[in-house]
Amino acid sequence: MSVKQQLYNRCESLLNERLRVVQKTIADIQNNLQSETKSSAGDKHETGRAMLQLEREKAGNQLAELQKLSETLQKIDVKMKHNTIALGSVVKTTGSNYFISVSVGEIKLKNESFYGISVATPMGKLLISKSVGDEISFRAQTFTIIDVL
């Protein structure tokens, strides 16, 4: 299995795990809302319901964001070879290695580390459209692009 396929699979797993957590949170909030309805009336009851509604809204926003990230990940063709850095590129530099996909943090494959980053991140914006041999400067450090897969 290619490095790109492994990175893609790991990103997909991480997103799916986050999705499960948010969906469970939403289900728990729904259950709590229903039990709040059955409990006593009054100001305390209304405050509890309002807090649960806010939590549900926050969890709903997280769910929408995760769905957007999943859609972005699905746009990646792992078989495609890139000459210039684009969505789906695996980038090796003299500093760090990156998978231009979705922001999931560090991914370890065997003895190498890669950072799953979005094209919207500061580093993603610097890397887009660059190619092997190009130099980029980030946070007072300069890196050279060694390979683009």
N, C-alpha and C. Protein backbone atom coordinates (compact mmCIF):
# COMPACT_ATOMS: atom_id res chain seq x y z
N MET A 1 0.84 -1.18 0.00
CA MET A 1 0.00 0.00 0.00
C MET A 1 0.89 1.25 0.00
N SER A 2 0.57 2.23 -0.83
CA SER A 2 1.40 3.43 -0.95
C SER A 2 1.31 4.29 0.32
N VAL A 3 2.32 5.13 0.50
CA VAL A 3 2.35 6.05 1.64
C VAL A 3 1.11 6.94 1.60
N LYS A 4 0.78 7.42 0.41
CA LYS A 4 -0.39 8.30 0.27
C LYS A 4 -1.67 7.58 0.68
N GLN A 5 -1.81 6.33 0.28
CA GLN A 5 -3.00 5.54 0.64
C GLN A 5 -3.07 5.34 2.16
N GLN A 6 -1.92 5.05 2.76
CA GLN A 6 -1.87 4.87 4.21
C GLN A 6 -2.24 6.15 4.95
N LEU A 7 -1.72 7.27 4.46
CA LEU A 7 -2.04 8.56 5.09
C LEU A 7 -3.53 8.88 4.92
N TYR A 8 -4.05 8.63 3.74
CA TYR A 8 -5.48 8.85 3.47
C TYR A 8 -6.33 8.01 4.43
N ASN A 9 -5.99 6.73 4.55
CA ASN A 9 -6.74 5.82 5.44
C ASN A 9 -6.69 6.30 6.89
N ARG A 10 -5.51 6.77 7.32
CA ARG A 10 -5.38 7.24 8.70
C ARG A 10 -6.22 8.50 8.92
N CYS A 11 -6.21 9.42 7.95
CA CYS A 11 -7.04 10.63 8.06
C CYS A 11 -8.52 10.25 8.13
N GLU A 12 -8.92 9.31 7.29
CA GLU A 12 -10.30 8.85 7.26
C GLU A 12 -10.70 8.24 8.62
N SER A 13 -9.81 7.43 9.19
CA SER A 13 -10.07 6.81 10.50
C SER A 13 -10.21 7.87 11.59
N LEU A 14 -9.30 8.84 11.59
CA LEU A 14 -9.34 9.90 12.60
C LEU A 14 -10.63 10.71 12.50
N LEU A 15 -11.04 11.04 11.27
CA LEU A 15 -12.29 11.78 11.08
C LEU A 15 -13.49 10.96 11.52
N ASN A 16 -13.49 9.67 11.17
CA ASN A 16 -14.61 8.79 11.56
C ASN A 16 -14.71 8.67 13.08
N GLU A 17 -13.56 8.61 13.76
CA GLU A 17 -13.56 8.54 15.22
C GLU A 17 -14.14 9.82 15.82
N ARG A 18 -13.71 10.97 15.29
CA ARG A 18 -14.25 12.25 15.76
C ARG A 18 -15.75 12.32 15.51
N LEU A 19 -16.17 11.81 14.35
CA LEU A 19 -17.59 11.80 13.98
C LEU A 19 -18.39 10.97 14.99
N ARG A 20 -17.88 9.80 15.34
CA ARG A 20 -18.57 8.94 16.32
C ARG A 20 -18.72 9.65 17.67
N VAL A 21 -17.67 10.33 18.10
CA VAL A 21 -17.70 11.04 19.39
C VAL A 21 -18.76 12.14 19.36
N VAL A 22 -18.79 12.93 18.28
CA VAL A 22 -19.77 14.02 18.18
C VAL A 22 -21.19 13.46 18.10
N GLN A 23 -21.39 12.40 17.33
CA GLN A 23 -22.72 11.81 17.23
C GLN A 23 -23.19 11.26 18.57
N LYS A 24 -22.27 10.66 19.33
CA LYS A 24 -22.63 10.16 20.67
C LYS A 24 -22.99 11.33 21.57
N THR A 25 -22.22 12.42 21.48
CA THR A 25 -22.50 13.61 22.28
C THR A 25 -23.90 14.14 21.97
N ILE A 26 -24.23 14.22 20.69
CA ILE A 26 -25.56 14.70 20.28
C ILE A 26 -26.65 13.78 20.83
N ALA A 27 -26.44 12.48 20.72
CA ALA A 27 -27.43 11.51 21.24
C ALA A 27 -27.59 11.67 22.76
N ASP A 28 -26.48 11.85 23.47
CA ASP A 28 -26.54 12.04 24.92
C ASP A 28 -27.31 13.31 25.28
N ILE A 29 -27.05 14.38 24.53
CA ILE A 29 -27.74 15.65 24.78
C ILE A 29 -29.24 15.47 24.54
N GLN A 30 -29.59 14.77 23.47
CA GLN A 30 -31.01 14.51 23.17
C GLN A 30 -31.68 13.77 24.32
N ASN A 31 -31.00 12.73 24.83
CA ASN A 31 -31.53 11.96 25.96
C ASN A 31 -31.69 12.85 27.20
N ASN A 32 -30.69 13.70 27.45
CA ASN A 32 -30.76 14.60 28.60
C ASN A 32 -31.90 15.61 28.44
N LEU A 33 -32.08 16.10 27.21
CA LEU A 33 -33.19 17.03 26.96
C LEU A 33 -34.53 16.36 27.24
N GLN A 34 -34.67 15.12 26.82
CA GLN A 34 -35.92 14.40 27.05
C GLN A 34 -36.14 14.16 28.54
N SER A 35 -35.09 13.83 29.27
CA SER A 35 -35.26 13.61 30.71
C SER A 35 -35.50 14.93 31.45
N GLU A 36 -34.92 16.04 30.93
CA GLU A 36 -35.19 17.37 31.50
C GLU A 36 -36.67 17.70 31.38
N THR A 37 -37.25 17.33 30.25
CA THR A 37 -38.66 17.60 30.00
C THR A 37 -39.53 16.91 31.04
N LYS A 38 -39.11 15.74 31.47
CA LYS A 38 -39.89 14.95 32.43
C LYS A 38 -39.68 15.41 33.87
N SER A 39 -38.63 16.20 34.11
CA SER A 39 -38.33 16.61 35.48
C SER A 39 -39.14 17.84 35.88
N SER A 40 -38.80 18.41 37.00
CA SER A 40 -39.57 19.52 37.55
C SER A 40 -39.53 20.76 36.66
N ALA A 41 -40.56 21.58 36.81
CA ALA A 41 -40.64 22.84 36.06
C ALA A 41 -39.96 23.93 36.87
N GLY A 42 -39.90 25.11 36.30
CA GLY A 42 -39.34 26.25 37.02
C GLY A 42 -38.07 26.76 36.37
N ASP A 43 -37.46 27.76 37.02
CA ASP A 43 -36.28 28.42 36.48
C ASP A 43 -35.10 27.47 36.29
N LYS A 44 -34.88 26.60 37.27
CA LYS A 44 -33.78 25.64 37.18
C LYS A 44 -33.96 24.74 35.95
N HIS A 45 -35.19 24.32 35.73
CA HIS A 45 -35.52 23.47 34.58
C HIS A 45 -35.22 24.22 33.27
N GLU A 46 -35.64 25.47 33.19
CA GLU A 46 -35.43 26.27 31.97
C GLU A 46 -33.94 26.50 31.72
N THR A 47 -33.19 26.77 32.76
CA THR A 47 -31.74 26.98 32.62
C THR A 47 -31.07 25.71 32.13
N GLY A 48 -31.46 24.58 32.70
CA GLY A 48 -30.91 23.30 32.26
C GLY A 48 -31.19 23.02 30.81
N ARG A 49 -32.41 23.28 30.40
CA ARG A 49 -32.79 23.08 28.99
C ARG A 49 -32.00 24.01 28.07
N ALA A 50 -31.85 25.26 28.47
CA ALA A 50 -31.11 26.24 27.66
C ALA A 50 -29.66 25.81 27.49
N MET A 51 -29.06 25.33 28.56
CA MET A 51 -27.66 24.88 28.50
C MET A 51 -27.53 23.68 27.56
N LEU A 52 -28.47 22.76 27.65
CA LEU A 52 -28.44 21.59 26.77
C LEU A 52 -28.65 21.99 25.31
N GLN A 53 -29.53 22.97 25.08
CA GLN A 53 -29.76 23.46 23.71
C GLN A 53 -28.46 24.05 23.14
N LEU A 54 -27.74 24.82 23.97
CA LEU A 54 -26.46 25.41 23.52
C LEU A 54 -25.44 24.32 23.21
N GLU A 55 -25.38 23.32 24.08
CA GLU A 55 -24.45 22.21 23.83
C GLU A 55 -24.81 21.47 22.55
N ARG A 56 -26.11 21.29 22.32
CA ARG A 56 -26.55 20.60 21.11
C ARG A 56 -26.17 21.42 19.86
N GLU A 57 -26.33 22.72 19.94
CA GLU A 57 -25.97 23.60 18.81
C GLU A 57 -24.46 23.53 18.54
N LYS A 58 -23.67 23.56 19.61
CA LYS A 58 -22.21 23.46 19.46
C LYS A 58 -21.82 22.13 18.83
N ALA A 59 -22.42 21.04 19.31
CA ALA A 59 -22.13 19.71 18.76
C ALA A 59 -22.58 19.62 17.30
N GLY A 60 -23.70 20.26 16.99
CA GLY A 60 -24.19 20.30 15.60
C GLY A 60 -23.21 21.01 14.69
N ASN A 61 -22.61 22.10 15.17
CA ASN A 61 -21.60 22.82 14.39
C ASN A 61 -20.36 21.96 14.18
N GLN A 62 -19.96 21.22 15.22
CA GLN A 62 -18.82 20.32 15.09
C GLN A 62 -19.11 19.23 14.06
N LEU A 63 -20.32 18.72 14.09
CA LEU A 63 -20.73 17.69 13.14
C LEU A 63 -20.67 18.22 11.71
N ALA A 64 -21.17 19.43 11.49
CA ALA A 64 -21.14 20.04 10.15
C ALA A 64 -19.70 20.23 9.68
N GLU A 65 -18.83 20.66 10.58
CA GLU A 65 -17.42 20.86 10.23
C GLU A 65 -16.75 19.54 9.86
N LEU A 66 -17.03 18.49 10.62
CA LEU A 66 -16.47 17.17 10.32
C LEU A 66 -16.97 16.65 8.98
N GLN A 67 -18.23 16.91 8.66
CA GLN A 67 -18.77 16.48 7.37
C GLN A 67 -18.08 17.22 6.22
N LYS A 68 -17.76 18.52 6.43
CA LYS A 68 -17.02 19.27 5.41
C LYS A 68 -15.63 18.69 5.21
N LEU A 69 -14.98 18.34 6.33
CA LEU A 69 -13.64 17.74 6.24
C LEU A 69 -13.69 16.40 5.51
N SER A 70 -14.72 15.60 5.77
CA SER A 70 -14.88 14.31 5.08
C SER A 70 -15.07 14.53 3.58
N GLU A 71 -15.84 15.54 3.22
CA GLU A 71 -16.05 15.84 1.80
C GLU A 71 -14.73 16.25 1.14
N THR A 72 -13.94 17.05 1.84
CA THR A 72 -12.64 17.47 1.30
C THR A 72 -11.74 16.25 1.10
N LEU A 73 -11.72 15.37 2.09
CA LEU A 73 -10.88 14.17 2.01
C LEU A 73 -11.31 13.30 0.83
N GLN A 74 -12.61 13.19 0.59
CA GLN A 74 -13.11 12.35 -0.50
C GLN A 74 -12.74 12.88 -1.89
N LYS A 75 -12.35 14.15 -1.98
CA LYS A 75 -11.94 14.73 -3.26
C LYS A 75 -10.54 14.28 -3.68
N ILE A 76 -9.82 13.66 -2.75
CA ILE A 76 -8.44 13.26 -3.01
C ILE A 76 -8.40 11.94 -3.78
N ASP A 77 -7.63 11.95 -4.86
CA ASP A 77 -7.38 10.73 -5.65
C ASP A 77 -5.98 10.26 -5.26
N VAL A 78 -5.90 9.19 -4.46
CA VAL A 78 -4.61 8.73 -3.95
C VAL A 78 -3.68 8.19 -5.04
N LYS A 79 -4.22 7.89 -6.21
CA LYS A 79 -3.39 7.36 -7.30
C LYS A 79 -2.74 8.47 -8.11
N MET A 80 -3.23 9.71 -7.92
CA MET A 80 -2.73 10.83 -8.72
C MET A 80 -1.34 11.28 -8.25
N LYS A 81 -0.43 11.43 -9.20
CA LYS A 81 0.93 11.93 -8.92
C LYS A 81 0.95 13.42 -9.24
N HIS A 82 1.46 14.20 -8.31
CA HIS A 82 1.49 15.66 -8.47
C HIS A 82 2.91 16.14 -8.78
N ASN A 83 3.02 17.05 -9.76
CA ASN A 83 4.31 17.70 -10.01
C ASN A 83 4.43 18.95 -9.15
N THR A 84 3.30 19.64 -8.97
CA THR A 84 3.25 20.77 -8.05
C THR A 84 2.30 20.40 -6.91
N ILE A 85 2.55 20.97 -5.76
CA ILE A 85 1.78 20.62 -4.57
C ILE A 85 0.33 21.08 -4.69
N ALA A 86 -0.58 20.14 -4.41
CA ALA A 86 -2.01 20.40 -4.47
C ALA A 86 -2.70 19.54 -3.42
N LEU A 87 -4.02 19.65 -3.33
CA LEU A 87 -4.78 18.80 -2.42
C LEU A 87 -4.48 17.34 -2.75
N GLY A 88 -4.08 16.58 -1.75
CA GLY A 88 -3.75 15.17 -1.96
C GLY A 88 -2.27 14.89 -2.09
N SER A 89 -1.45 15.93 -2.13
CA SER A 89 0.00 15.72 -2.25
C SER A 89 0.63 15.28 -0.93
N VAL A 90 1.61 14.39 -1.06
CA VAL A 90 2.47 14.06 0.07
C VAL A 90 3.75 14.84 -0.18
N VAL A 91 4.15 15.66 0.78
CA VAL A 91 5.29 16.56 0.60
C VAL A 91 6.36 16.25 1.63
N LYS A 92 7.56 16.01 1.13
CA LYS A 92 8.70 15.81 2.02
C LYS A 92 9.61 17.02 1.90
N THR A 93 9.96 17.59 3.05
CA THR A 93 10.85 18.76 3.06
C THR A 93 12.05 18.45 3.95
N THR A 94 13.01 19.36 3.96
CA THR A 94 14.18 19.18 4.84
C THR A 94 13.79 19.37 6.30
N GLY A 95 12.59 19.89 6.55
CA GLY A 95 12.12 20.07 7.92
C GLY A 95 11.14 18.99 8.34
N SER A 96 9.98 18.96 7.74
CA SER A 96 8.92 18.00 8.10
C SER A 96 8.28 17.43 6.84
N ASN A 97 7.42 16.44 7.05
CA ASN A 97 6.67 15.84 5.95
C ASN A 97 5.19 16.18 6.13
N TYR A 98 4.50 16.39 5.02
CA TYR A 98 3.10 16.81 5.08
C TYR A 98 2.22 15.99 4.13
N PHE A 99 0.98 15.85 4.52
CA PHE A 99 -0.05 15.29 3.64
C PHE A 99 -1.08 16.39 3.52
N ILE A 100 -1.17 16.97 2.32
CA ILE A 100 -2.09 18.09 2.09
C ILE A 100 -3.49 17.50 1.93
N SER A 101 -4.27 17.59 3.00
CA SER A 101 -5.59 16.95 3.01
C SER A 101 -6.50 17.68 3.97
N VAL A 102 -6.58 17.19 5.19
CA VAL A 102 -7.37 17.82 6.25
C VAL A 102 -6.49 17.91 7.49
N SER A 103 -6.78 18.87 8.33
CA SER A 103 -5.97 19.08 9.53
C SER A 103 -6.30 18.02 10.58
N VAL A 104 -5.39 17.07 10.72
CA VAL A 104 -5.57 16.01 11.73
C VAL A 104 -4.36 15.88 12.65
N GLY A 105 -3.34 16.69 12.44
CA GLY A 105 -2.16 16.62 13.27
C GLY A 105 -1.17 15.59 12.77
N GLU A 106 -0.34 15.11 13.68
CA GLU A 106 0.75 14.20 13.32
C GLU A 106 0.24 12.79 13.06
N ILE A 107 0.77 12.20 11.99
CA ILE A 107 0.47 10.81 11.63
C ILE A 107 1.81 10.09 11.52
N LYS A 108 1.95 9.02 12.28
CA LYS A 108 3.20 8.24 12.22
C LYS A 108 2.99 7.00 11.36
N LEU A 109 3.88 6.83 10.39
CA LEU A 109 3.90 5.63 9.55
C LEU A 109 5.29 5.02 9.68
N LYS A 110 5.33 3.83 10.22
CA LYS A 110 6.61 3.14 10.46
C LYS A 110 7.56 4.09 11.18
N ASN A 111 8.65 4.52 10.53
CA ASN A 111 9.62 5.39 11.20
C ASN A 111 9.57 6.83 10.69
N GLU A 112 8.48 7.20 10.02
CA GLU A 112 8.34 8.56 9.51
C GLU A 112 7.11 9.24 10.09
N SER A 113 7.23 10.56 10.28
CA SER A 113 6.10 11.35 10.75
C SER A 113 5.64 12.27 9.61
N PHE A 114 4.33 12.40 9.50
CA PHE A 114 3.73 13.31 8.54
C PHE A 114 2.71 14.15 9.28
N TYR A 115 2.46 15.35 8.80
CA TYR A 115 1.43 16.19 9.38
C TYR A 115 0.30 16.33 8.37
N GLY A 116 -0.88 15.91 8.78
CA GLY A 116 -2.06 16.09 7.94
C GLY A 116 -2.50 17.54 8.08
N ILE A 117 -2.37 18.32 7.01
CA ILE A 117 -2.73 19.74 7.07
C ILE A 117 -3.68 20.10 5.93
N SER A 118 -4.46 21.11 6.18
CA SER A 118 -5.40 21.63 5.19
C SER A 118 -4.69 22.64 4.30
N VAL A 119 -5.23 22.86 3.11
CA VAL A 119 -4.68 23.90 2.24
C VAL A 119 -4.90 25.29 2.84
N ALA A 120 -5.82 25.41 3.80
CA ALA A 120 -6.15 26.69 4.41
C ALA A 120 -5.21 27.07 5.56
N THR A 121 -4.38 26.12 6.01
CA THR A 121 -3.45 26.43 7.11
C THR A 121 -2.32 27.31 6.58
N PRO A 122 -1.64 28.03 7.47
CA PRO A 122 -0.51 28.86 7.01
C PRO A 122 0.53 28.06 6.22
N MET A 123 0.89 26.86 6.72
CA MET A 123 1.87 26.03 6.02
C MET A 123 1.28 25.53 4.70
N GLY A 124 0.02 25.14 4.70
CA GLY A 124 -0.64 24.68 3.48
C GLY A 124 -0.61 25.75 2.40
N LYS A 125 -0.89 26.99 2.79
CA LYS A 125 -0.89 28.11 1.84
C LYS A 125 0.51 28.33 1.25
N LEU A 126 1.54 28.14 2.09
CA LEU A 126 2.92 28.30 1.61
C LEU A 126 3.31 27.20 0.63
N LEU A 127 2.83 25.98 0.89
CA LEU A 127 3.24 24.84 0.07
C LEU A 127 2.50 24.74 -1.27
N ILE A 128 1.24 25.15 -1.32
CA ILE A 128 0.43 25.01 -2.54
C ILE A 128 1.14 25.60 -3.75
N SER A 129 1.14 24.85 -4.83
CA SER A 129 1.72 25.23 -6.13
C SER A 129 3.25 25.21 -6.17
N LYS A 130 3.89 24.82 -5.08
CA LYS A 130 5.36 24.71 -5.09
C LYS A 130 5.73 23.33 -5.63
N SER A 131 7.02 23.15 -5.96
CA SER A 131 7.48 21.86 -6.47
C SER A 131 8.86 21.52 -5.90
N VAL A 132 9.36 20.34 -6.26
CA VAL A 132 10.65 19.87 -5.75
C VAL A 132 11.73 20.91 -6.03
N GLY A 133 12.54 21.18 -4.99
CA GLY A 133 13.63 22.14 -5.12
C GLY A 133 13.26 23.53 -4.62
N ASP A 134 11.97 23.84 -4.55
CA ASP A 134 11.54 25.15 -4.05
C ASP A 134 11.84 25.26 -2.56
N GLU A 135 12.10 26.50 -2.13
CA GLU A 135 12.33 26.75 -0.71
C GLU A 135 11.15 27.52 -0.15
N ILE A 136 10.81 27.23 1.09
CA ILE A 136 9.77 27.98 1.78
C ILE A 136 10.30 28.41 3.13
N SER A 137 9.87 29.57 3.57
CA SER A 137 10.26 30.07 4.89
C SER A 137 9.02 30.14 5.75
N PHE A 138 9.15 29.56 6.95
CA PHE A 138 8.03 29.54 7.87
C PHE A 138 8.56 29.66 9.29
N ARG A 139 8.08 30.64 10.03
CA ARG A 139 8.50 30.88 11.41
C ARG A 139 10.02 30.93 11.54
N ALA A 140 10.62 31.79 10.76
CA ALA A 140 12.07 32.04 10.79
C ALA A 140 12.92 30.83 10.43
N GLN A 141 12.32 29.83 9.77
CA GLN A 141 13.09 28.67 9.30
C GLN A 141 12.85 28.52 7.80
N THR A 142 13.87 28.06 7.10
CA THR A 142 13.74 27.82 5.67
C THR A 142 13.87 26.34 5.40
N PHE A 143 12.93 25.83 4.59
CA PHE A 143 12.91 24.41 4.24
C PHE A 143 12.98 24.28 2.73
N THR A 144 13.55 23.17 2.27
CA THR A 144 13.58 22.86 0.84
C THR A 144 12.66 21.66 0.61
N ILE A 145 11.88 21.74 -0.46
CA ILE A 145 10.99 20.63 -0.81
C ILE A 145 11.82 19.54 -1.49
N ILE A 146 11.85 18.37 -0.90
CA ILE A 146 12.67 17.25 -1.40
C ILE A 146 11.89 16.38 -2.37
N ASP A 147 10.62 16.11 -2.06
CA ASP A 147 9.82 15.21 -2.87
C ASP A 147 8.34 15.56 -2.77
N VAL A 148 7.63 15.36 -3.88
CA VAL A 148 6.18 15.54 -3.93
C VAL A 148 5.59 14.28 -4.55
N LEU A 149 4.71 13.61 -3.81
CA LEU A 149 4.07 12.39 -4.30
C LEU A 149 2.61 12.66 -4.62
